[in-house]
Amino acid sequence: KPRQILPKWSSLDAPLSTAHPDQILSFHE
């Protein structure tokens, strides 16, 4: 079966800042 490729890195490795409510998360994030 073909495996789904997901990003190996994520901006979620660092905590999200509530000071930036306009920060866009990718769909996978």
mmCIF file of all heavy atoms, coordinates in Angstrom:
data_MODEL
# 
_entry.id   MODEL 
# 
loop_
_atom_site.group_PDB 
_atom_site.id 
_atom_site.type_symbol 
_atom_site.label_atom_id 
_atom_site.label_alt_id 
_atom_site.label_comp_id 
_atom_site.label_asym_id 
_atom_site.label_entity_id 
_atom_site.label_seq_id 
_atom_site.pdbx_PDB_ins_code 
_atom_site.Cartn_x 
_atom_site.Cartn_y 
_atom_site.Cartn_z 
_atom_site.occupancy 
_atom_site.B_iso_or_equiv 
_atom_site.pdbx_formal_charge 
_atom_site.auth_seq_id 
_atom_site.auth_comp_id 
_atom_site.auth_asym_id 
_atom_site.auth_atom_id 
_atom_site.pdbx_PDB_model_num 
ATOM 1   N N   . LYS A 1 1  ? 0.851  -1.188 0.000  1.00 0.00 ? 1  LYS A N   1 
ATOM 2   C CA  . LYS A 1 1  ? 0.000  0.000  0.000  1.00 0.00 ? 1  LYS A CA  1 
ATOM 3   C C   . LYS A 1 1  ? 0.888  1.240  0.000  1.00 0.00 ? 1  LYS A C   1 
ATOM 4   O O   . LYS A 1 1  ? 1.891  1.279  0.706  1.00 0.00 ? 1  LYS A O   1 
ATOM 5   C CB  . LYS A 1 1  ? -0.861 0.031  1.265  1.00 0.00 ? 1  LYS A CB  1 
ATOM 6   C CG  . LYS A 1 1  ? -2.023 -0.921 1.260  1.00 0.00 ? 1  LYS A CG  1 
ATOM 7   C CD  . LYS A 1 1  ? -2.697 -0.879 2.584  1.00 0.00 ? 1  LYS A CD  1 
ATOM 8   C CE  . LYS A 1 1  ? -4.032 -0.218 2.504  1.00 0.00 ? 1  LYS A CE  1 
ATOM 9   N NZ  . LYS A 1 1  ? -4.731 -0.234 3.780  1.00 0.00 ? 1  LYS A NZ  1 
ATOM 10  N N   . PRO A 1 2  ? 0.529  2.254  -0.776 1.00 0.00 ? 2  PRO A N   1 
ATOM 11  C CA  . PRO A 1 2  ? 1.329  3.481  -0.720 1.00 0.00 ? 2  PRO A CA  1 
ATOM 12  C C   . PRO A 1 2  ? 1.146  4.160  0.635  1.00 0.00 ? 2  PRO A C   1 
ATOM 13  O O   . PRO A 1 2  ? 0.044  4.233  1.165  1.00 0.00 ? 2  PRO A O   1 
ATOM 14  C CB  . PRO A 1 2  ? 0.754  4.335  -1.852 1.00 0.00 ? 2  PRO A CB  1 
ATOM 15  C CG  . PRO A 1 2  ? -0.597 3.772  -2.118 1.00 0.00 ? 2  PRO A CG  1 
ATOM 16  C CD  . PRO A 1 2  ? -0.561 2.337  -1.720 1.00 0.00 ? 2  PRO A CD  1 
ATOM 17  N N   . ARG A 1 3  ? 2.227  4.594  1.203  1.00 0.00 ? 3  ARG A N   1 
ATOM 18  C CA  . ARG A 1 3  ? 2.166  5.256  2.506  1.00 0.00 ? 3  ARG A CA  1 
ATOM 19  C C   . ARG A 1 3  ? 1.942  6.741  2.324  1.00 0.00 ? 3  ARG A C   1 
ATOM 20  O O   . ARG A 1 3  ? 2.431  7.347  1.385  1.00 0.00 ? 3  ARG A O   1 
ATOM 21  C CB  . ARG A 1 3  ? 3.477  5.038  3.263  1.00 0.00 ? 3  ARG A CB  1 
ATOM 22  C CG  . ARG A 1 3  ? 3.600  3.623  3.756  1.00 0.00 ? 3  ARG A CG  1 
ATOM 23  C CD  . ARG A 1 3  ? 4.851  3.382  4.530  1.00 0.00 ? 3  ARG A CD  1 
ATOM 24  N NE  . ARG A 1 3  ? 5.229  4.529  5.326  1.00 0.00 ? 3  ARG A NE  1 
ATOM 25  C CZ  . ARG A 1 3  ? 6.366  4.608  5.992  1.00 0.00 ? 3  ARG A CZ  1 
ATOM 26  N NH1 . ARG A 1 3  ? 7.212  3.630  5.946  1.00 0.00 ? 3  ARG A NH1 1 
ATOM 27  N NH2 . ARG A 1 3  ? 6.662  5.677  6.706  1.00 0.00 ? 3  ARG A NH2 1 
ATOM 28  N N   . GLN A 1 4  ? 1.197  7.312  3.245  1.00 0.00 ? 4  GLN A N   1 
ATOM 29  C CA  . GLN A 1 4  ? 0.947  8.744  3.209  1.00 0.00 ? 4  GLN A CA  1 
ATOM 30  C C   . GLN A 1 4  ? 2.193  9.464  3.704  1.00 0.00 ? 4  GLN A C   1 
ATOM 31  O O   . GLN A 1 4  ? 2.760  9.093  4.731  1.00 0.00 ? 4  GLN A O   1 
ATOM 32  C CB  . GLN A 1 4  ? -0.241 9.082  4.090  1.00 0.00 ? 4  GLN A CB  1 
ATOM 33  C CG  . GLN A 1 4  ? -0.633 10.528 4.022  1.00 0.00 ? 4  GLN A CG  1 
ATOM 34  C CD  . GLN A 1 4  ? -1.851 10.801 4.884  1.00 0.00 ? 4  GLN A CD  1 
ATOM 35  O OE1 . GLN A 1 4  ? -2.241 9.990  5.688  1.00 0.00 ? 4  GLN A OE1 1 
ATOM 36  N NE2 . GLN A 1 4  ? -2.434 11.950 4.711  1.00 0.00 ? 4  GLN A NE2 1 
ATOM 37  N N   . ILE A 1 5  ? 2.622  10.470 2.970  1.00 0.00 ? 5  ILE A N   1 
ATOM 38  C CA  . ILE A 1 5  ? 3.824  11.199 3.330  1.00 0.00 ? 5  ILE A CA  1 
ATOM 39  C C   . ILE A 1 5  ? 3.429  12.401 4.179  1.00 0.00 ? 5  ILE A C   1 
ATOM 40  O O   . ILE A 1 5  ? 2.655  13.250 3.758  1.00 0.00 ? 5  ILE A O   1 
ATOM 41  C CB  . ILE A 1 5  ? 4.586  11.657 2.078  1.00 0.00 ? 5  ILE A CB  1 
ATOM 42  C CG1 . ILE A 1 5  ? 5.002  10.434 1.255  1.00 0.00 ? 5  ILE A CG1 1 
ATOM 43  C CG2 . ILE A 1 5  ? 5.791  12.496 2.457  1.00 0.00 ? 5  ILE A CG2 1 
ATOM 44  C CD1 . ILE A 1 5  ? 5.567  10.780 -0.095 1.00 0.00 ? 5  ILE A CD1 1 
ATOM 45  N N   . LEU A 1 6  ? 3.957  12.442 5.379  1.00 0.00 ? 6  LEU A N   1 
ATOM 46  C CA  . LEU A 1 6  ? 3.708  13.558 6.283  1.00 0.00 ? 6  LEU A CA  1 
ATOM 47  C C   . LEU A 1 6  ? 5.000  14.333 6.487  1.00 0.00 ? 6  LEU A C   1 
ATOM 48  O O   . LEU A 1 6  ? 6.085  13.763 6.371  1.00 0.00 ? 6  LEU A O   1 
ATOM 49  C CB  . LEU A 1 6  ? 3.199  13.041 7.633  1.00 0.00 ? 6  LEU A CB  1 
ATOM 50  C CG  . LEU A 1 6  ? 1.875  12.285 7.597  1.00 0.00 ? 6  LEU A CG  1 
ATOM 51  C CD1 . LEU A 1 6  ? 1.555  11.741 8.982  1.00 0.00 ? 6  LEU A CD1 1 
ATOM 52  C CD2 . LEU A 1 6  ? 0.767  13.198 7.133  1.00 0.00 ? 6  LEU A CD2 1 
ATOM 53  N N   . PRO A 1 7  ? 4.906  15.614 6.794  1.00 0.00 ? 7  PRO A N   1 
ATOM 54  C CA  . PRO A 1 7  ? 6.135  16.374 7.023  1.00 0.00 ? 7  PRO A CA  1 
ATOM 55  C C   . PRO A 1 7  ? 6.889  15.834 8.231  1.00 0.00 ? 7  PRO A C   1 
ATOM 56  O O   . PRO A 1 7  ? 6.290  15.401 9.214  1.00 0.00 ? 7  PRO A O   1 
ATOM 57  C CB  . PRO A 1 7  ? 5.639  17.797 7.272  1.00 0.00 ? 7  PRO A CB  1 
ATOM 58  C CG  . PRO A 1 7  ? 4.194  17.702 7.522  1.00 0.00 ? 7  PRO A CG  1 
ATOM 59  C CD  . PRO A 1 7  ? 3.716  16.411 6.947  1.00 0.00 ? 7  PRO A CD  1 
ATOM 60  N N   . LYS A 1 8  ? 8.219  15.847 8.150  1.00 0.00 ? 8  LYS A N   1 
ATOM 61  C CA  . LYS A 1 8  ? 9.041  15.330 9.241  1.00 0.00 ? 8  LYS A CA  1 
ATOM 62  C C   . LYS A 1 8  ? 9.251  16.374 10.323 1.00 0.00 ? 8  LYS A C   1 
ATOM 63  O O   . LYS A 1 8  ? 9.622  16.050 11.423 1.00 0.00 ? 8  LYS A O   1 
ATOM 64  C CB  . LYS A 1 8  ? 10.374 14.845 8.697  1.00 0.00 ? 8  LYS A CB  1 
ATOM 65  C CG  . LYS A 1 8  ? 10.220 13.637 7.810  1.00 0.00 ? 8  LYS A CG  1 
ATOM 66  C CD  . LYS A 1 8  ? 11.525 13.071 7.391  1.00 0.00 ? 8  LYS A CD  1 
ATOM 67  C CE  . LYS A 1 8  ? 11.247 11.882 6.497  1.00 0.00 ? 8  LYS A CE  1 
ATOM 68  N NZ  . LYS A 1 8  ? 12.390 11.101 6.211  1.00 0.00 ? 8  LYS A NZ  1 
ATOM 69  N N   . TRP A 1 9  ? 9.048  17.621 10.003 1.00 0.00 ? 9  TRP A N   1 
ATOM 70  C CA  . TRP A 1 9  ? 9.192  18.680 10.987 1.00 0.00 ? 9  TRP A CA  1 
ATOM 71  C C   . TRP A 1 9  ? 7.852  19.366 11.139 1.00 0.00 ? 9  TRP A C   1 
ATOM 72  O O   . TRP A 1 9  ? 6.977  19.251 10.295 1.00 0.00 ? 9  TRP A O   1 
ATOM 73  C CB  . TRP A 1 9  ? 10.241 19.688 10.543 1.00 0.00 ? 9  TRP A CB  1 
ATOM 74  C CG  . TRP A 1 9  ? 9.893  20.300 9.232  1.00 0.00 ? 9  TRP A CG  1 
ATOM 75  C CD1 . TRP A 1 9  ? 10.231 19.852 7.995  1.00 0.00 ? 9  TRP A CD1 1 
ATOM 76  C CD2 . TRP A 1 9  ? 9.068  21.446 9.008  1.00 0.00 ? 9  TRP A CD2 1 
ATOM 77  N NE1 . TRP A 1 9  ? 9.687  20.638 7.022  1.00 0.00 ? 9  TRP A NE1 1 
ATOM 78  C CE2 . TRP A 1 9  ? 8.967  21.630 7.616  1.00 0.00 ? 9  TRP A CE2 1 
ATOM 79  C CE3 . TRP A 1 9  ? 8.410  22.334 9.837  1.00 0.00 ? 9  TRP A CE3 1 
ATOM 80  C CZ2 . TRP A 1 9  ? 8.248  22.675 7.060  1.00 0.00 ? 9  TRP A CZ2 1 
ATOM 81  C CZ3 . TRP A 1 9  ? 7.694  23.365 9.260  1.00 0.00 ? 9  TRP A CZ3 1 
ATOM 82  C CH2 . TRP A 1 9  ? 7.628  23.530 7.889  1.00 0.00 ? 9  TRP A CH2 1 
ATOM 83  N N   . SER A 1 10 ? 7.699  20.060 12.222 1.00 0.00 ? 10 SER A N   1 
ATOM 84  C CA  . SER A 1 10 ? 6.454  20.763 12.457 1.00 0.00 ? 10 SER A CA  1 
ATOM 85  C C   . SER A 1 10 ? 6.724  21.986 13.309 1.00 0.00 ? 10 SER A C   1 
ATOM 86  O O   . SER A 1 10 ? 7.577  21.971 14.189 1.00 0.00 ? 10 SER A O   1 
ATOM 87  C CB  . SER A 1 10 ? 5.456  19.847 13.166 1.00 0.00 ? 10 SER A CB  1 
ATOM 88  O OG  . SER A 1 10 ? 4.318  20.569 13.534 1.00 0.00 ? 10 SER A OG  1 
ATOM 89  N N   . SER A 1 11 ? 5.993  23.042 13.049 1.00 0.00 ? 11 SER A N   1 
ATOM 90  C CA  . SER A 1 11 ? 6.115  24.222 13.896 1.00 0.00 ? 11 SER A CA  1 
ATOM 91  C C   . SER A 1 11 ? 5.476  23.966 15.254 1.00 0.00 ? 11 SER A C   1 
ATOM 92  O O   . SER A 1 11 ? 5.592  24.779 16.160 1.00 0.00 ? 11 SER A O   1 
ATOM 93  C CB  . SER A 1 11 ? 5.475  25.431 13.224 1.00 0.00 ? 11 SER A CB  1 
ATOM 94  O OG  . SER A 1 11 ? 4.104  25.193 13.032 1.00 0.00 ? 11 SER A OG  1 
ATOM 95  N N   . LEU A 1 12 ? 4.779  22.825 15.397 1.00 0.00 ? 12 LEU A N   1 
ATOM 96  C CA  . LEU A 1 12 ? 4.190  22.481 16.690 1.00 0.00 ? 12 LEU A CA  1 
ATOM 97  C C   . LEU A 1 12 ? 5.217  21.947 17.661 1.00 0.00 ? 12 LEU A C   1 
ATOM 98  O O   . LEU A 1 12 ? 4.904  21.694 18.818 1.00 0.00 ? 12 LEU A O   1 
ATOM 99  C CB  . LEU A 1 12 ? 3.074  21.450 16.505 1.00 0.00 ? 12 LEU A CB  1 
ATOM 100 C CG  . LEU A 1 12 ? 1.896  21.930 15.674 1.00 0.00 ? 12 LEU A CG  1 
ATOM 101 C CD1 . LEU A 1 12 ? 0.893  20.814 15.509 1.00 0.00 ? 12 LEU A CD1 1 
ATOM 102 C CD2 . LEU A 1 12 ? 1.243  23.122 16.319 1.00 0.00 ? 12 LEU A CD2 1 
ATOM 103 N N   . ASP A 1 13 ? 6.462  21.759 17.197 1.00 0.00 ? 13 ASP A N   1 
ATOM 104 C CA  . ASP A 1 13 ? 7.515  21.343 18.104 1.00 0.00 ? 13 ASP A CA  1 
ATOM 105 C C   . ASP A 1 13 ? 7.757  22.436 19.148 1.00 0.00 ? 13 ASP A C   1 
ATOM 106 O O   . ASP A 1 13 ? 8.143  22.152 20.267 1.00 0.00 ? 13 ASP A O   1 
ATOM 107 C CB  . ASP A 1 13 ? 8.796  21.036 17.342 1.00 0.00 ? 13 ASP A CB  1 
ATOM 108 C CG  . ASP A 1 13 ? 8.628  19.839 16.421 1.00 0.00 ? 13 ASP A CG  1 
ATOM 109 O OD1 . ASP A 1 13 ? 7.702  19.024 16.657 1.00 0.00 ? 13 ASP A OD1 1 
ATOM 110 O OD2 . ASP A 1 13 ? 9.406  19.718 15.464 1.00 0.00 ? 13 ASP A OD2 1 
ATOM 111 N N   . ALA A 1 14 ? 7.521  23.680 18.764 1.00 0.00 ? 14 ALA A N   1 
ATOM 112 C CA  . ALA A 1 14 ? 7.599  24.799 19.695 1.00 0.00 ? 14 ALA A CA  1 
ATOM 113 C C   . ALA A 1 14 ? 6.172  25.168 20.104 1.00 0.00 ? 14 ALA A C   1 
ATOM 114 O O   . ALA A 1 14 ? 5.232  24.994 19.332 1.00 0.00 ? 14 ALA A O   1 
ATOM 115 C CB  . ALA A 1 14 ? 8.258  25.996 19.016 1.00 0.00 ? 14 ALA A CB  1 
ATOM 116 N N   . PRO A 1 15 ? 5.983  25.669 21.322 1.00 0.00 ? 15 PRO A N   1 
ATOM 117 C CA  . PRO A 1 15 ? 4.621  26.018 21.744 1.00 0.00 ? 15 PRO A CA  1 
ATOM 118 C C   . PRO A 1 15 ? 4.055  27.174 20.926 1.00 0.00 ? 15 PRO A C   1 
ATOM 119 O O   . PRO A 1 15 ? 4.779  28.065 20.504 1.00 0.00 ? 15 PRO A O   1 
ATOM 120 C CB  . PRO A 1 15 ? 4.790  26.412 23.213 1.00 0.00 ? 15 PRO A CB  1 
ATOM 121 C CG  . PRO A 1 15 ? 6.230  26.675 23.401 1.00 0.00 ? 15 PRO A CG  1 
ATOM 122 C CD  . PRO A 1 15 ? 6.975  25.905 22.356 1.00 0.00 ? 15 PRO A CD  1 
ATOM 123 N N   . LEU A 1 16 ? 2.742  27.132 20.692 1.00 0.00 ? 16 LEU A N   1 
ATOM 124 C CA  . LEU A 1 16 ? 2.075  28.204 19.952 1.00 0.00 ? 16 LEU A CA  1 
ATOM 125 C C   . LEU A 1 16 ? 1.948  29.432 20.829 1.00 0.00 ? 16 LEU A C   1 
ATOM 126 O O   . LEU A 1 16 ? 1.698  29.335 22.027 1.00 0.00 ? 16 LEU A O   1 
ATOM 127 C CB  . LEU A 1 16 ? 0.686  27.759 19.504 1.00 0.00 ? 16 LEU A CB  1 
ATOM 128 C CG  . LEU A 1 16 ? 0.628  26.678 18.446 1.00 0.00 ? 16 LEU A CG  1 
ATOM 129 C CD1 . LEU A 1 16 ? -0.808 26.270 18.215 1.00 0.00 ? 16 LEU A CD1 1 
ATOM 130 C CD2 . LEU A 1 16 ? 1.254  27.150 17.167 1.00 0.00 ? 16 LEU A CD2 1 
ATOM 131 N N   . SER A 1 17 ? 2.100  30.578 20.230 1.00 0.00 ? 17 SER A N   1 
ATOM 132 C CA  . SER A 1 17 ? 1.978  31.826 20.960 1.00 0.00 ? 17 SER A CA  1 
ATOM 133 C C   . SER A 1 17 ? 0.569  32.383 20.778 1.00 0.00 ? 17 SER A C   1 
ATOM 134 O O   . SER A 1 17 ? 0.079  32.503 19.658 1.00 0.00 ? 17 SER A O   1 
ATOM 135 C CB  . SER A 1 17 ? 3.004  32.838 20.452 1.00 0.00 ? 17 SER A CB  1 
ATOM 136 O OG  . SER A 1 17 ? 2.771  34.102 21.022 1.00 0.00 ? 17 SER A OG  1 
ATOM 137 N N   . THR A 1 18 ? -0.078 32.744 21.877 1.00 0.00 ? 18 THR A N   1 
ATOM 138 C CA  . THR A 1 18 ? -1.410 33.353 21.783 1.00 0.00 ? 18 THR A CA  1 
ATOM 139 C C   . THR A 1 18 ? -1.306 34.804 21.347 1.00 0.00 ? 18 THR A C   1 
ATOM 140 O O   . THR A 1 18 ? -2.308 35.425 21.016 1.00 0.00 ? 18 THR A O   1 
ATOM 141 C CB  . THR A 1 18 ? -2.145 33.268 23.131 1.00 0.00 ? 18 THR A CB  1 
ATOM 142 O OG1 . THR A 1 18 ? -1.344 33.878 24.128 1.00 0.00 ? 18 THR A OG1 1 
ATOM 143 C CG2 . THR A 1 18 ? -2.426 31.821 23.488 1.00 0.00 ? 18 THR A CG2 1 
ATOM 144 N N   . ALA A 1 19 ? -0.087 35.353 21.327 1.00 0.00 ? 19 ALA A N   1 
ATOM 145 C CA  . ALA A 1 19 ? 0.106  36.727 20.885 1.00 0.00 ? 19 ALA A CA  1 
ATOM 146 C C   . ALA A 1 19 ? 0.005  36.843 19.361 1.00 0.00 ? 19 ALA A C   1 
ATOM 147 O O   . ALA A 1 19 ? -0.073 37.942 18.842 1.00 0.00 ? 19 ALA A O   1 
ATOM 148 C CB  . ALA A 1 19 ? 1.460  37.249 21.353 1.00 0.00 ? 19 ALA A CB  1 
ATOM 149 N N   . HIS A 1 20 ? 0.022  35.717 18.661 1.00 0.00 ? 20 HIS A N   1 
ATOM 150 C CA  . HIS A 1 20 ? -0.054 35.720 17.202 1.00 0.00 ? 20 HIS A CA  1 
ATOM 151 C C   . HIS A 1 20 ? -1.286 34.946 16.742 1.00 0.00 ? 20 HIS A C   1 
ATOM 152 O O   . HIS A 1 20 ? -1.173 33.839 16.208 1.00 0.00 ? 20 HIS A O   1 
ATOM 153 C CB  . HIS A 1 20 ? 1.211  35.103 16.597 1.00 0.00 ? 20 HIS A CB  1 
ATOM 154 C CG  . HIS A 1 20 ? 2.464  35.805 16.978 1.00 0.00 ? 20 HIS A CG  1 
ATOM 155 N ND1 . HIS A 1 20 ? 2.761  37.074 16.553 1.00 0.00 ? 20 HIS A ND1 1 
ATOM 156 C CD2 . HIS A 1 20 ? 3.487  35.425 17.784 1.00 0.00 ? 20 HIS A CD2 1 
ATOM 157 C CE1 . HIS A 1 20 ? 3.922  37.446 17.059 1.00 0.00 ? 20 HIS A CE1 1 
ATOM 158 N NE2 . HIS A 1 20 ? 4.380  36.460 17.817 1.00 0.00 ? 20 HIS A NE2 1 
ATOM 159 N N   . PRO A 1 21 ? -2.479 35.509 16.926 1.00 0.00 ? 21 PRO A N   1 
ATOM 160 C CA  . PRO A 1 21 ? -3.694 34.770 16.541 1.00 0.00 ? 21 PRO A CA  1 
ATOM 161 C C   . PRO A 1 21 ? -3.847 34.600 15.037 1.00 0.00 ? 21 PRO A C   1 
ATOM 162 O O   . PRO A 1 21 ? -4.624 33.781 14.587 1.00 0.00 ? 21 PRO A O   1 
ATOM 163 C CB  . PRO A 1 21 ? -4.818 35.620 17.118 1.00 0.00 ? 21 PRO A CB  1 
ATOM 164 C CG  . PRO A 1 21 ? -4.249 36.983 17.217 1.00 0.00 ? 21 PRO A CG  1 
ATOM 165 C CD  . PRO A 1 21 ? -2.786 36.804 17.498 1.00 0.00 ? 21 PRO A CD  1 
ATOM 166 N N   . ASP A 1 22 ? -3.084 35.384 14.239 1.00 0.00 ? 22 ASP A N   1 
ATOM 167 C CA  . ASP A 1 22 ? -3.178 35.275 12.784 1.00 0.00 ? 22 ASP A CA  1 
ATOM 168 C C   . ASP A 1 22 ? -2.195 34.267 12.209 1.00 0.00 ? 22 ASP A C   1 
ATOM 169 O O   . ASP A 1 22 ? -2.113 34.109 10.990 1.00 0.00 ? 22 ASP A O   1 
ATOM 170 C CB  . ASP A 1 22 ? -2.962 36.640 12.125 1.00 0.00 ? 22 ASP A CB  1 
ATOM 171 C CG  . ASP A 1 22 ? -4.081 37.603 12.463 1.00 0.00 ? 22 ASP A CG  1 
ATOM 172 O OD1 . ASP A 1 22 ? -5.219 37.131 12.683 1.00 0.00 ? 22 ASP A OD1 1 
ATOM 173 O OD2 . ASP A 1 22 ? -3.830 38.814 12.520 1.00 0.00 ? 22 ASP A OD2 1 
ATOM 174 N N   . GLN A 1 23 ? -1.444 33.594 13.074 1.00 0.00 ? 23 GLN A N   1 
ATOM 175 C CA  . GLN A 1 23 ? -0.515 32.563 12.607 1.00 0.00 ? 23 GLN A CA  1 
ATOM 176 C C   . GLN A 1 23 ? -1.320 31.443 11.958 1.00 0.00 ? 23 GLN A C   1 
ATOM 177 O O   . GLN A 1 23 ? -2.304 30.973 12.518 1.00 0.00 ? 23 GLN A O   1 
ATOM 178 C CB  . GLN A 1 23 ? 0.292  32.020 13.777 1.00 0.00 ? 23 GLN A CB  1 
ATOM 179 C CG  . GLN A 1 23 ? 1.234  30.908 13.403 1.00 0.00 ? 23 GLN A CG  1 
ATOM 180 C CD  . GLN A 1 23 ? 1.971  30.355 14.613 1.00 0.00 ? 23 GLN A CD  1 
ATOM 181 O OE1 . GLN A 1 23 ? 1.796  30.833 15.728 1.00 0.00 ? 23 GLN A OE1 1 
ATOM 182 N NE2 . GLN A 1 23 ? 2.787  29.354 14.383 1.00 0.00 ? 23 GLN A NE2 1 
ATOM 183 N N   . ILE A 1 24 ? -0.910 31.025 10.763 1.00 0.00 ? 24 ILE A N   1 
ATOM 184 C CA  . ILE A 1 24 ? -1.647 29.993 10.032 1.00 0.00 ? 24 ILE A CA  1 
ATOM 185 C C   . ILE A 1 24 ? -0.979 28.641 10.241 1.00 0.00 ? 24 ILE A C   1 
ATOM 186 O O   . ILE A 1 24 ? 0.218  28.491 10.038 1.00 0.00 ? 24 ILE A O   1 
ATOM 187 C CB  . ILE A 1 24 ? -1.723 30.310 8.529  1.00 0.00 ? 24 ILE A CB  1 
ATOM 188 C CG1 . ILE A 1 24 ? -2.478 31.616 8.304  1.00 0.00 ? 24 ILE A CG1 1 
ATOM 189 C CG2 . ILE A 1 24 ? -2.389 29.180 7.770  1.00 0.00 ? 24 ILE A CG2 1 
ATOM 190 C CD1 . ILE A 1 24 ? -2.533 32.066 6.870  1.00 0.00 ? 24 ILE A CD1 1 
ATOM 191 N N   . LEU A 1 25 ? -1.792 27.681 10.658 1.00 0.00 ? 25 LEU A N   1 
ATOM 192 C CA  . LEU A 1 25 ? -1.334 26.302 10.787 1.00 0.00 ? 25 LEU A CA  1 
ATOM 193 C C   . LEU A 1 25 ? -1.643 25.583 9.486  1.00 0.00 ? 25 LEU A C   1 
ATOM 194 O O   . LEU A 1 25 ? -2.713 25.773 8.919  1.00 0.00 ? 25 LEU A O   1 
ATOM 195 C CB  . LEU A 1 25 ? -2.084 25.593 11.919 1.00 0.00 ? 25 LEU A CB  1 
ATOM 196 C CG  . LEU A 1 25 ? -2.007 26.214 13.300 1.00 0.00 ? 25 LEU A CG  1 
ATOM 197 C CD1 . LEU A 1 25 ? -3.028 25.556 14.214 1.00 0.00 ? 25 LEU A CD1 1 
ATOM 198 C CD2 . LEU A 1 25 ? -0.617 26.060 13.850 1.00 0.00 ? 25 LEU A CD2 1 
ATOM 199 N N   . SER A 1 26 ? -0.713 24.770 9.014  1.00 0.00 ? 26 SER A N   1 
ATOM 200 C CA  . SER A 1 26 ? -1.024 23.951 7.846  1.00 0.00 ? 26 SER A CA  1 
ATOM 201 C C   . SER A 1 26 ? -2.077 22.926 8.258  1.00 0.00 ? 26 SER A C   1 
ATOM 202 O O   . SER A 1 26 ? -2.337 22.716 9.440  1.00 0.00 ? 26 SER A O   1 
ATOM 203 C CB  . SER A 1 26 ? 0.227  23.243 7.323  1.00 0.00 ? 26 SER A CB  1 
ATOM 204 O OG  . SER A 1 26 ? 0.613  22.219 8.217  1.00 0.00 ? 26 SER A OG  1 
ATOM 205 N N   . PHE A 1 27 ? -2.682 22.281 7.280  1.00 0.00 ? 27 PHE A N   1 
ATOM 206 C CA  . PHE A 1 27 ? -3.723 21.305 7.583  1.00 0.00 ? 27 PHE A CA  1 
ATOM 207 C C   . PHE A 1 27 ? -3.186 20.192 8.480  1.00 0.00 ? 27 PHE A C   1 
ATOM 208 O O   . PHE A 1 27 ? -3.824 19.802 9.457  1.00 0.00 ? 27 PHE A O   1 
ATOM 209 C CB  . PHE A 1 27 ? -4.286 20.724 6.281  1.00 0.00 ? 27 PHE A CB  1 
ATOM 210 C CG  . PHE A 1 27 ? -5.261 19.616 6.510  1.00 0.00 ? 27 PHE A CG  1 
ATOM 211 C CD1 . PHE A 1 27 ? -6.535 19.879 6.978  1.00 0.00 ? 27 PHE A CD1 1 
ATOM 212 C CD2 . PHE A 1 27 ? -4.901 18.305 6.273  1.00 0.00 ? 27 PHE A CD2 1 
ATOM 213 C CE1 . PHE A 1 27 ? -7.435 18.858 7.207  1.00 0.00 ? 27 PHE A CE1 1 
ATOM 214 C CE2 . PHE A 1 27 ? -5.795 17.270 6.486  1.00 0.00 ? 27 PHE A CE2 1 
ATOM 215 C CZ  . PHE A 1 27 ? -7.060 17.555 6.954  1.00 0.00 ? 27 PHE A CZ  1 
ATOM 216 N N   . HIS A 1 28 ? -1.989 19.680 8.175  1.00 0.00 ? 28 HIS A N   1 
ATOM 217 C CA  . HIS A 1 28 ? -1.405 18.598 8.978  1.00 0.00 ? 28 HIS A CA  1 
ATOM 218 C C   . HIS A 1 28 ? -1.076 19.074 10.391 1.00 0.00 ? 28 HIS A C   1 
ATOM 219 O O   . HIS A 1 28 ? -1.265 18.337 11.356 1.00 0.00 ? 28 HIS A O   1 
ATOM 220 C CB  . HIS A 1 28 ? -0.158 18.040 8.304  1.00 0.00 ? 28 HIS A CB  1 
ATOM 221 C CG  . HIS A 1 28 ? -0.454 17.260 7.065  1.00 0.00 ? 28 HIS A CG  1 
ATOM 222 N ND1 . HIS A 1 28 ? -1.054 16.032 7.075  1.00 0.00 ? 28 HIS A ND1 1 
ATOM 223 C CD2 . HIS A 1 28 ? -0.263 17.554 5.756  1.00 0.00 ? 28 HIS A CD2 1 
ATOM 224 C CE1 . HIS A 1 28 ? -1.206 15.590 5.848  1.00 0.00 ? 28 HIS A CE1 1 
ATOM 225 N NE2 . HIS A 1 28 ? -0.744 16.514 5.022  1.00 0.00 ? 28 HIS A NE2 1 
ATOM 226 N N   . GLU A 1 29 ? -0.588 20.313 10.514 1.00 0.00 ? 29 GLU A N   1 
ATOM 227 C CA  . GLU A 1 29 ? -0.301 20.858 11.844 1.00 0.00 ? 29 GLU A CA  1 
ATOM 228 C C   . GLU A 1 29 ? -1.582 21.007 12.649 1.00 0.00 ? 29 GLU A C   1 
ATOM 229 O O   . GLU A 1 29 ? -1.613 20.724 13.844 1.00 0.00 ? 29 GLU A O   1 
ATOM 230 C CB  . GLU A 1 29 ? 0.408  22.209 11.712 1.00 0.00 ? 29 GLU A CB  1 
ATOM 231 C CG  . GLU A 1 29 ? 1.812  22.104 11.197 1.00 0.00 ? 29 GLU A CG  1 
ATOM 232 C CD  . GLU A 1 29 ? 2.420  23.457 10.892 1.00 0.00 ? 29 GLU A CD  1 
ATOM 233 O OE1 . GLU A 1 29 ? 1.658  24.436 10.690 1.00 0.00 ? 29 GLU A OE1 1 
ATOM 234 O OE2 . GLU A 1 29 ? 3.642  23.539 10.847 1.00 0.00 ? 29 GLU A OE2 1 
# 
